[in-house]
């Protein structure tokens, strides 16, 4: 059986600050919402959210907080 990942306290704090930041990008806010939704639950990332996270990680202009959220979201993606 596969291990169920959850967003930890550090990721949820980062997600919360991104959602409160009026200058945060749409991508960052989307990833933050997904990470917060997965905190304390066994919910998993959707394929669309995983694609968004992958694109954010491949973009060299992505901020450290967005990269952290993207990594968390990808960790919680269902296995193939």
PDB file of N, CA and C in Angstrom:
ATOM      1  N   UNK A   1       0.846  -1.180   0.000  1.00  0.00           N
ATOM      2  CA  UNK A   1       0.000   0.000   0.000  1.00  0.00           C
ATOM      3  C   UNK A   1       0.890   1.242   0.000  1.00  0.00           C
ATOM      4  N   UNK A   2       0.511   2.269  -0.714  1.00  0.00           N
ATOM      5  CA  UNK A   2       1.326   3.464  -0.819  1.00  0.00           C
ATOM      6  C   UNK A   2       1.185   4.355   0.411  1.00  0.00           C
ATOM      7  N   UNK A   3       2.246   5.075   0.673  1.00  0.00           N
ATOM      8  CA  UNK A   3       2.278   5.990   1.799  1.00  0.00           C
ATOM      9  C   UNK A   3       1.451   7.228   1.474  1.00  0.00           C
ATOM     10  N   UNK A   4       0.653   7.680   2.403  1.00  0.00           N
ATOM     11  CA  UNK A   4      -0.163   8.887   2.209  1.00  0.00           C
ATOM     12  C   UNK A   4       0.597  10.098   2.733  1.00  0.00           C
ATOM     13  N   UNK A   5       0.874  11.039   1.871  1.00  0.00           N
ATOM     14  CA  UNK A   5       1.575  12.268   2.248  1.00  0.00           C
ATOM     15  C   UNK A   5       0.568  13.340   2.627  1.00  0.00           C
ATOM     16  N   UNK A   6       0.999  14.258   3.500  1.00  0.00           N
ATOM     17  CA  UNK A   6       0.181  15.393   3.898  1.00  0.00           C
ATOM     18  C   UNK A   6       1.053  16.638   3.924  1.00  0.00           C
ATOM     19  N   UNK A   7       0.447  17.801   3.746  1.00  0.00           N
ATOM     20  CA  UNK A   7       1.178  19.053   3.875  1.00  0.00           C
ATOM     21  C   UNK A   7       1.543  19.255   5.335  1.00  0.00           C
ATOM     22  N   UNK A   8       2.800  19.533   5.588  1.00  0.00           N
ATOM     23  CA  UNK A   8       3.266  19.745   6.953  1.00  0.00           C
ATOM     24  C   UNK A   8       3.088  21.192   7.395  1.00  0.00           C
ATOM     25  N   UNK A   9       3.449  21.480   8.640  1.00  0.00           N
ATOM     26  CA  UNK A   9       3.255  22.828   9.182  1.00  0.00           C
ATOM     27  C   UNK A   9       4.038  23.919   8.444  1.00  0.00           C
ATOM     28  N   UNK A  10       5.258  23.608   8.003  1.00  0.00           N
ATOM     29  CA  UNK A  10       6.059  24.612   7.287  1.00  0.00           C
ATOM     30  C   UNK A  10       5.403  24.978   5.959  1.00  0.00           C
ATOM     31  N   UNK A  11       4.918  23.976   5.251  1.00  0.00           N
ATOM     32  CA  UNK A  11       4.266  24.214   3.954  1.00  0.00           C
ATOM     33  C   UNK A  11       2.960  24.965   4.156  1.00  0.00           C
ATOM     34  N   UNK A  12       2.207  24.625   5.193  1.00  0.00           N
ATOM     35  CA  UNK A  12       0.929  25.316   5.411  1.00  0.00           C
ATOM     36  C   UNK A  12       1.152  26.781   5.789  1.00  0.00           C
ATOM     37  N   UNK A  13       2.226  27.064   6.541  1.00  0.00           N
ATOM     38  CA  UNK A  13       2.544  28.471   6.850  1.00  0.00           C
ATOM     39  C   UNK A  13       2.907  29.229   5.587  1.00  0.00           C
ATOM     40  N   UNK A  14       3.712  28.601   4.732  1.00  0.00           N
ATOM     41  CA  UNK A  14       4.091  29.228   3.458  1.00  0.00           C
ATOM     42  C   UNK A  14       2.854  29.463   2.598  1.00  0.00           C
ATOM     43  N   UNK A  15       1.987  28.466   2.514  1.00  0.00           N
ATOM     44  CA  UNK A  15       0.769  28.590   1.710  1.00  0.00           C
ATOM     45  C   UNK A  15      -0.114  29.714   2.232  1.00  0.00           C
ATOM     46  N   UNK A  16      -0.239  29.811   3.539  1.00  0.00           N
ATOM     47  CA  UNK A  16      -1.059  30.858   4.135  1.00  0.00           C
ATOM     48  C   UNK A  16      -0.518  32.244   3.804  1.00  0.00           C
ATOM     49  N   UNK A  17       0.797  32.410   3.896  1.00  0.00           N
ATOM     50  CA  UNK A  17       1.374  33.726   3.595  1.00  0.00           C
ATOM     51  C   UNK A  17       1.245  34.068   2.113  1.00  0.00           C
ATOM     52  N   UNK A  18       1.351  33.065   1.239  1.00  0.00           N
ATOM     53  CA  UNK A  18       1.181  33.308  -0.202  1.00  0.00           C
ATOM     54  C   UNK A  18      -0.252  33.739  -0.497  1.00  0.00           C
ATOM     55  N   UNK A  19      -1.215  33.091   0.115  1.00  0.00           N
ATOM     56  CA  UNK A  19      -2.617  33.445  -0.135  1.00  0.00           C
ATOM     57  C   UNK A  19      -2.952  34.845   0.369  1.00  0.00           C
ATOM     58  N   UNK A  20      -2.267  35.304   1.414  1.00  0.00           N
ATOM     59  CA  UNK A  20      -2.523  36.660   1.939  1.00  0.00           C
ATOM     60  C   UNK A  20      -1.762  37.737   1.191  1.00  0.00           C
ATOM     61  N   UNK A  21      -0.780  37.345   0.376  1.00  0.00           N
ATOM     62  CA  UNK A  21       0.045  38.294  -0.363  1.00  0.00           C
ATOM     63  C   UNK A  21      -0.694  38.759  -1.620  1.00  0.00           C
ATOM     64  N   UNK A  22      -1.048  40.056  -1.698  1.00  0.00           N
ATOM     65  CA  UNK A  22      -1.785  40.525  -2.879  1.00  0.00           C
ATOM     66  C   UNK A  22      -0.946  40.499  -4.157  1.00  0.00           C
ATOM     67  N   UNK A  23       0.367  40.457  -4.038  1.00  0.00           N
ATOM     68  CA  UNK A  23       1.233  40.451  -5.211  1.00  0.00           C
ATOM     69  C   UNK A  23       1.617  39.060  -5.685  1.00  0.00           C
ATOM     70  N   UNK A  24       1.128  38.030  -5.019  1.00  0.00           N
ATOM     71  CA  UNK A  24       1.478  36.660  -5.403  1.00  0.00           C
ATOM     72  C   UNK A  24       0.830  36.300  -6.736  1.00  0.00           C
ATOM     73  N   UNK A  25       1.523  35.479  -7.490  1.00  0.00           N
ATOM     74  CA  UNK A  25       1.008  35.087  -8.812  1.00  0.00           C
ATOM     75  C   UNK A  25      -0.172  34.132  -8.683  1.00  0.00           C
ATOM     76  N   UNK A  26      -0.905  34.020  -9.768  1.00  0.00           N
ATOM     77  CA  UNK A  26      -2.049  33.110  -9.821  1.00  0.00           C
ATOM     78  C   UNK A  26      -1.594  31.664  -9.606  1.00  0.00           C
ATOM     79  N   UNK A  27      -0.462  31.313 -10.188  1.00  0.00           N
ATOM     80  CA  UNK A  27       0.082  29.960 -10.027  1.00  0.00           C
ATOM     81  C   UNK A  27       0.413  29.687  -8.569  1.00  0.00           C
ATOM     82  N   UNK A  28       1.075  30.641  -7.916  1.00  0.00           N
ATOM     83  CA  UNK A  28       1.441  30.466  -6.508  1.00  0.00           C
ATOM     84  C   UNK A  28       0.202  30.295  -5.643  1.00  0.00           C
ATOM     85  N   UNK A  29      -0.808  31.089  -5.915  1.00  0.00           N
ATOM     86  CA  UNK A  29      -2.044  30.995  -5.126  1.00  0.00           C
ATOM     87  C   UNK A  29      -2.761  29.667  -5.363  1.00  0.00           C
ATOM     88  N   UNK A  30      -2.726  29.188  -6.588  1.00  0.00           N
ATOM     89  CA  UNK A  30      -3.337  27.903  -6.901  1.00  0.00           C
ATOM     90  C   UNK A  30      -2.635  26.768  -6.149  1.00  0.00           C
ATOM     91  N   UNK A  31      -1.316  26.778  -6.177  1.00  0.00           N
ATOM     92  CA  UNK A  31      -0.546  25.750  -5.483  1.00  0.00           C
ATOM     93  C   UNK A  31      -0.728  25.858  -3.972  1.00  0.00           C
ATOM     94  N   UNK A  32      -0.824  27.084  -3.465  1.00  0.00           N
ATOM     95  CA  UNK A  32      -1.028  27.289  -2.030  1.00  0.00           C
ATOM     96  C   UNK A  32      -2.382  26.736  -1.595  1.00  0.00           C
ATOM     97  N   UNK A  33      -3.395  26.972  -2.395  1.00  0.00           N
ATOM     98  CA  UNK A  33      -4.722  26.448  -2.080  1.00  0.00           C
ATOM     99  C   UNK A  33      -4.739  24.932  -2.063  1.00  0.00           C
ATOM    100  N   UNK A  34      -4.055  24.330  -3.010  1.00  0.00           N
ATOM    101  CA  UNK A  34      -3.990  22.872  -3.066  1.00  0.00           C
ATOM    102  C   UNK A  34      -3.241  22.319  -1.855  1.00  0.00           C
ATOM    103  N   UNK A  35      -2.133  22.942  -1.510  1.00  0.00           N
ATOM    104  CA  UNK A  35      -1.351  22.478  -0.356  1.00  0.00           C
ATOM    105  C   UNK A  35      -2.156  22.599   0.934  1.00  0.00           C
ATOM    106  N   UNK A  36      -2.883  23.704   1.099  1.00  0.00           N
ATOM    107  CA  UNK A  36      -3.699  23.871   2.308  1.00  0.00           C
ATOM    108  C   UNK A  36      -4.855  22.877   2.348  1.00  0.00           C
ATOM    109  N   UNK A  37      -5.437  22.580   1.209  1.00  0.00           N
ATOM    110  CA  UNK A  37      -6.543  21.624   1.163  1.00  0.00           C
ATOM    111  C   UNK A  37      -6.080  20.228   1.559  1.00  0.00           C
ATOM    112  N   UNK A  38      -4.803  19.942   1.368  1.00  0.00           N
ATOM    113  CA  UNK A  38      -4.270  18.614   1.654  1.00  0.00           C
ATOM    114  C   UNK A  38      -3.676  18.504   3.058  1.00  0.00           C
ATOM    115  N   UNK A  39      -3.711  19.578   3.816  1.00  0.00           N
ATOM    116  CA  UNK A  39      -3.160  19.560   5.179  1.00  0.00           C
ATOM    117  C   UNK A  39      -4.086  18.781   6.104  1.00  0.00           C
ATOM    118  N   UNK A  40      -3.541  17.796   6.768  1.00  0.00           N
ATOM    119  CA  UNK A  40      -4.312  17.029   7.734  1.00  0.00           C
ATOM    120  C   UNK A  40      -5.332  16.086   7.132  1.00  0.00           C
ATOM    121  N   UNK A  41      -5.246  15.840   5.837  1.00  0.00           N
ATOM    122  CA  UNK A  41      -6.182  14.929   5.164  1.00  0.00           C
ATOM    123  C   UNK A  41      -5.392  13.947   4.310  1.00  0.00           C
ATOM    124  N   UNK A  42      -6.083  13.034   3.714  1.00  0.00           N
ATOM    125  CA  UNK A  42      -5.433  12.099   2.789  1.00  0.00           C
ATOM    126  C   UNK A  42      -5.741  12.457   1.342  1.00  0.00           C
ATOM    127  N   UNK A  43      -6.209  13.690   1.110  1.00  0.00           N
ATOM    128  CA  UNK A  43      -6.483  14.136  -0.259  1.00  0.00           C
ATOM    129  C   UNK A  43      -5.198  14.119  -1.067  1.00  0.00           C
ATOM    130  N   UNK A  44      -5.334  13.937  -2.364  1.00  0.00           N
ATOM    131  CA  UNK A  44      -4.185  13.922  -3.256  1.00  0.00           C
ATOM    132  C   UNK A  44      -4.354  14.984  -4.345  1.00  0.00           C
ATOM    133  N   UNK A  45      -3.227  15.372  -4.940  1.00  0.00           N
ATOM    134  CA  UNK A  45      -3.232  16.388  -5.990  1.00  0.00           C
ATOM    135  C   UNK A  45      -3.861  15.852  -7.263  1.00  0.00           C
ATOM    136  N   UNK A  46      -4.568  16.724  -7.965  1.00  0.00           N
ATOM    137  CA  UNK A  46      -5.143  16.356  -9.258  1.00  0.00           C
ATOM    138  C   UNK A  46      -4.053  16.406 -10.327  1.00  0.00           C
ATOM    139  N   UNK A  47      -4.346  15.842 -11.467  1.00  0.00           N
ATOM    140  CA  UNK A  47      -3.399  15.858 -12.585  1.00  0.00           C
ATOM    141  C   UNK A  47      -3.115  17.284 -13.038  1.00  0.00           C
ATOM    142  N   UNK A  48      -4.149  18.107 -13.081  1.00  0.00           N
ATOM    143  CA  UNK A  48      -3.977  19.500 -13.515  1.00  0.00           C
ATOM    144  C   UNK A  48      -3.084  20.266 -12.553  1.00  0.00           C
ATOM    145  N   UNK A  49      -3.275  20.061 -11.258  1.00  0.00           N
ATOM    146  CA  UNK A  49      -2.452  20.739 -10.258  1.00  0.00           C
ATOM    147  C   UNK A  49      -1.014  20.244 -10.338  1.00  0.00           C
ATOM    148  N   UNK A  50      -0.841  18.966 -10.576  1.00  0.00           N
ATOM    149  CA  UNK A  50       0.506  18.409 -10.712  1.00  0.00           C
ATOM    150  C   UNK A  50       1.217  18.997 -11.932  1.00  0.00           C
ATOM    151  N   UNK A  51       0.490  19.175 -13.031  1.00  0.00           N
ATOM    152  CA  UNK A  51       1.084  19.800 -14.229  1.00  0.00           C
ATOM    153  C   UNK A  51       1.492  21.237 -13.927  1.00  0.00           C
ATOM    154  N   UNK A  52       0.645  21.973 -13.220  1.00  0.00           N
ATOM    155  CA  UNK A  52       0.963  23.357 -12.841  1.00  0.00           C
ATOM    156  C   UNK A  52       2.220  23.389 -11.978  1.00  0.00           C
ATOM    157  N   UNK A  53       2.308  22.468 -11.031  1.00  0.00           N
ATOM    158  CA  UNK A  53       3.476  22.409 -10.149  1.00  0.00           C
ATOM    159  C   UNK A  53       4.743  22.092 -10.943  1.00  0.00           C
ATOM    160  N   UNK A  54       4.640  21.169 -11.881  1.00  0.00           N
ATOM    161  CA  UNK A  54       5.785  20.823 -12.708  1.00  0.00           C
ATOM    162  C   UNK A  54       6.272  21.997 -13.540  1.00  0.00           C
ATOM    163  N   UNK A  55       5.341  22.733 -14.107  1.00  0.00           N
ATOM    164  CA  UNK A  55       5.709  23.922 -14.897  1.00  0.00           C
ATOM    165  C   UNK A  55       6.375  24.968 -14.011  1.00  0.00           C
ATOM    166  N   UNK A  56       5.867  25.144 -12.789  1.00  0.00           N
ATOM    167  CA  UNK A  56       6.454  26.123 -11.875  1.00  0.00           C
ATOM    168  C   UNK A  56       7.883  25.733 -11.515  1.00  0.00           C
ATOM    169  N   UNK A  57       8.132  24.451 -11.314  1.00  0.00           N
ATOM    170  CA  UNK A  57       9.480  23.997 -10.978  1.00  0.00           C
ATOM    171  C   UNK A  57      10.442  24.139 -12.154  1.00  0.00           C
ATOM    172  N   UNK A  58       9.942  23.998 -13.372  1.00  0.00           N
ATOM    173  CA  UNK A  58      10.797  24.122 -14.556  1.00  0.00           C
ATOM    174  C   UNK A  58      11.075  25.560 -14.953  1.00  0.00           C
ATOM    175  N   UNK A  59      10.290  26.501 -14.461  1.00  0.00           N
ATOM    176  CA  UNK A  59      10.470  27.913 -14.790  1.00  0.00           C
ATOM    177  C   UNK A  59      11.542  28.510 -13.870  1.00  0.00           C
ATOM    178  N   UNK A  60      12.582  29.030 -14.440  1.00  0.00           N
ATOM    179  CA  UNK A  60      13.688  29.591 -13.662  1.00  0.00           C
ATOM    180  C   UNK A  60      13.339  30.845 -12.887  1.00  0.00           C
ATOM    181  N   UNK A  61      12.212  31.462 -13.182  1.00  0.00           N
ATOM    182  CA  UNK A  61      11.834  32.705 -12.504  1.00  0.00           C
ATOM    183  C   UNK A  61      10.970  32.461 -11.271  1.00  0.00           C
ATOM    184  N   UNK A  62      10.666  31.220 -10.955  1.00  0.00           N
ATOM    185  CA  UNK A  62       9.767  30.896  -9.859  1.00  0.00           C
ATOM    186  C   UNK A  62      10.432  31.182  -8.511  1.00  0.00           C
ATOM    187  N   UNK A  63       9.675  31.792  -7.598  1.00  0.00           N
ATOM    188  CA  UNK A  63      10.203  32.122  -6.274  1.00  0.00           C
ATOM    189  C   UNK A  63      10.395  30.872  -5.427  1.00  0.00           C
ATOM    190  N   UNK A  64      11.171  31.010  -4.366  1.00  0.00           N
ATOM    191  CA  UNK A  64      11.455  29.883  -3.475  1.00  0.00           C
ATOM    192  C   UNK A  64      10.185  29.361  -2.812  1.00  0.00           C
ATOM    193  N   UNK A  65       9.290  30.255  -2.424  1.00  0.00           N
ATOM    194  CA  UNK A  65       8.064  29.810  -1.766  1.00  0.00           C
ATOM    195  C   UNK A  65       7.172  29.030  -2.740  1.00  0.00           C
ATOM    196  N   UNK A  66       7.102  29.472  -3.978  1.00  0.00           N
ATOM    197  CA  UNK A  66       6.304  28.755  -4.969  1.00  0.00           C
ATOM    198  C   UNK A  66       6.927  27.398  -5.277  1.00  0.00           C
ATOM    199  N   UNK A  67       8.244  27.333  -5.324  1.00  0.00           N
ATOM    200  CA  UNK A  67       8.922  26.054  -5.543  1.00  0.00           C
ATOM    201  C   UNK A  67       8.638  25.081  -4.401  1.00  0.00           C
ATOM    202  N   UNK A  68       8.633  25.593  -3.181  1.00  0.00           N
ATOM    203  CA  UNK A  68       8.335  24.758  -2.018  1.00  0.00           C
ATOM    204  C   UNK A  68       6.922  24.193  -2.106  1.00  0.00           C
ATOM    205  N   UNK A  69       5.969  25.037  -2.451  1.00  0.00           N
ATOM    206  CA  UNK A  69       4.584  24.594  -2.586  1.00  0.00           C
ATOM    207  C   UNK A  69       4.442  23.591  -3.729  1.00  0.00           C
ATOM    208  N   UNK A  70       5.133  23.846  -4.834  1.00  0.00           N
ATOM    209  CA  UNK A  70       5.065  22.943  -5.977  1.00  0.00           C
ATOM    210  C   UNK A  70       5.628  21.569  -5.615  1.00  0.00           C
ATOM    211  N   UNK A  71       6.714  21.551  -4.888  1.00  0.00           N
ATOM    212  CA  UNK A  71       7.294  20.281  -4.460  1.00  0.00           C
ATOM    213  C   UNK A  71       6.346  19.502  -3.566  1.00  0.00           C
ATOM    214  N   UNK A  72       5.684  20.207  -2.663  1.00  0.00           N
ATOM    215  CA  UNK A  72       4.732  19.554  -1.767  1.00  0.00           C
ATOM    216  C   UNK A  72       3.560  18.980  -2.552  1.00  0.00           C
ATOM    217  N   UNK A  73       3.049  19.750  -3.488  1.00  0.00           N
ATOM    218  CA  UNK A  73       1.914  19.300  -4.292  1.00  0.00           C
ATOM    219  C   UNK A  73       2.298  18.074  -5.123  1.00  0.00           C
ATOM    220  N   UNK A  74       3.489  18.082  -5.701  1.00  0.00           N
ATOM    221  CA  UNK A  74       3.918  16.932  -6.510  1.00  0.00           C
ATOM    222  C   UNK A  74       4.140  15.688  -5.653  1.00  0.00           C
ATOM    223  N   UNK A  75       4.590  15.868  -4.430  1.00  0.00           N
ATOM    224  CA  UNK A  75       4.771  14.739  -3.522  1.00  0.00           C
ATOM    225  C   UNK A  75       3.456  14.061  -3.233  1.00  0.00           C
ATOM    226  N   UNK A  76       2.381  14.822  -3.250  1.00  0.00           N
ATOM    227  CA  UNK A  76       1.057  14.295  -2.903  1.00  0.00           C
ATOM    228  C   UNK A  76       0.265  13.839  -4.120  1.00  0.00           C
ATOM    229  N   UNK A  77       0.926  13.751  -5.269  1.00  0.00           N
ATOM    230  CA  UNK A  77       0.271  13.280  -6.486  1.00  0.00           C
ATOM    231  C   UNK A  77       0.118  11.763  -6.406  1.00  0.00           C
ATOM    232  N   UNK A  78      -1.009  11.235  -6.859  1.00  0.00           N
ATOM    233  CA  UNK A  78      -1.178   9.774  -6.844  1.00  0.00           C
ATOM    234  C   UNK A  78      -0.132   9.089  -7.730  1.00  0.00           C
ATOM    235  N   UNK A  79       0.303   7.929  -7.320  1.00  0.00           N
ATOM    236  CA  UNK A  79       1.252   7.157  -8.103  1.00  0.00           C
ATOM    237  C   UNK A  79       0.546   6.550  -9.309  1.00  0.00           C
ATOM    238  N   UNK A  80       1.273   6.362 -10.399  1.00  0.00           N
ATOM    239  CA  UNK A  80       0.679   5.796 -11.625  1.00  0.00           C
ATOM    240  C   UNK A  80       0.406   4.336 -11.477  1.00  0.00           C
TER     241      UNK A  80
END
